[in-house]
Amino acid sequence: MSSVASDELLSPCDLLHHDELLSATFRLFDLVFPEFFEEV
């Protein structure tokens, strides 16, 4: 059953949703901490 759960976690839809969530998080950080991204 663990293999089935891992397959669900690695499904393309979940990866796409994770990528959208990640990009949204970066945009939020860019708004809140613009100087942090300028230094990096």
C-alpha atoms as a PDB file:
ATOM      1  CA  MET A   1       0.000   0.000   0.000  1.00  0.00           C
ATOM      2  CA  SER A   2       2.936   2.318   0.564  1.00  0.00           C
ATOM      3  CA  SER A   3       3.883   2.052  -3.130  1.00  0.00           C
ATOM      4  CA  VAL A   4       0.372   3.152  -4.142  1.00  0.00           C
ATOM      5  CA  ALA A   5       0.577   6.175  -1.848  1.00  0.00           C
ATOM      6  CA  SER A   6       3.980   7.175  -3.277  1.00  0.00           C
ATOM      7  CA  ASP A   7       2.617   6.861  -6.833  1.00  0.00           C
ATOM      8  CA  GLU A   8      -0.213   9.215  -5.934  1.00  0.00           C
ATOM      9  CA  LEU A   9       2.228  11.711  -4.436  1.00  0.00           C
ATOM     10  CA  LEU A  10       4.324  11.660  -7.608  1.00  0.00           C
ATOM     11  CA  SER A  11       1.407  11.961 -10.029  1.00  0.00           C
ATOM     12  CA  PRO A  12       1.792  14.643 -12.761  1.00  0.00           C
ATOM     13  CA  CYS A  13      -1.249  16.549 -11.477  1.00  0.00           C
ATOM     14  CA  ASP A  14       0.242  16.791  -7.988  1.00  0.00           C
ATOM     15  CA  LEU A  15       3.584  17.888  -9.421  1.00  0.00           C
ATOM     16  CA  LEU A  16       1.890  20.579 -11.499  1.00  0.00           C
ATOM     17  CA  HIS A  17      -0.073  21.801  -8.488  1.00  0.00           C
ATOM     18  CA  HIS A  18       3.135  21.811  -6.423  1.00  0.00           C
ATOM     19  CA  ASP A  19       4.923  23.829  -9.099  1.00  0.00           C
ATOM     20  CA  GLU A  20       2.103  26.404  -9.172  1.00  0.00           C
ATOM     21  CA  LEU A  21       2.108  26.592  -5.375  1.00  0.00           C
ATOM     22  CA  LEU A  22       5.885  27.027  -5.374  1.00  0.00           C
ATOM     23  CA  SER A  23       5.794  29.841  -7.939  1.00  0.00           C
ATOM     24  CA  ALA A  24       3.002  31.560  -5.999  1.00  0.00           C
ATOM     25  CA  THR A  25       5.089  31.311  -2.825  1.00  0.00           C
ATOM     26  CA  PHE A  26       8.081  32.889  -4.588  1.00  0.00           C
ATOM     27  CA  ARG A  27       5.879  35.744  -5.852  1.00  0.00           C
ATOM     28  CA  LEU A  28       4.614  36.302  -2.310  1.00  0.00           C
ATOM     29  CA  PHE A  29       8.160  36.385  -0.932  1.00  0.00           C
ATOM     30  CA  ASP A  30       9.182  38.728  -3.742  1.00  0.00           C
ATOM     31  CA  LEU A  31       6.452  41.139  -2.616  1.00  0.00           C
ATOM     32  CA  VAL A  32       7.239  40.854   1.095  1.00  0.00           C
ATOM     33  CA  PHE A  33      11.030  40.632   0.904  1.00  0.00           C
ATOM     34  CA  PRO A  34      12.137  42.340  -2.349  1.00  0.00           C
ATOM     35  CA  GLU A  35      15.540  43.267  -0.897  1.00  0.00           C
ATOM     36  CA  PHE A  36      16.223  39.592  -0.124  1.00  0.00           C
ATOM     37  CA  PHE A  37      15.870  38.639  -3.802  1.00  0.00           C
ATOM     38  CA  GLU A  38      17.947  41.600  -4.888  1.00  0.00           C
ATOM     39  CA  GLU A  39      20.883  40.417  -2.779  1.00  0.00           C
ATOM     40  CA  VAL A  40      20.667  36.823  -4.047  1.00  0.00           C
END
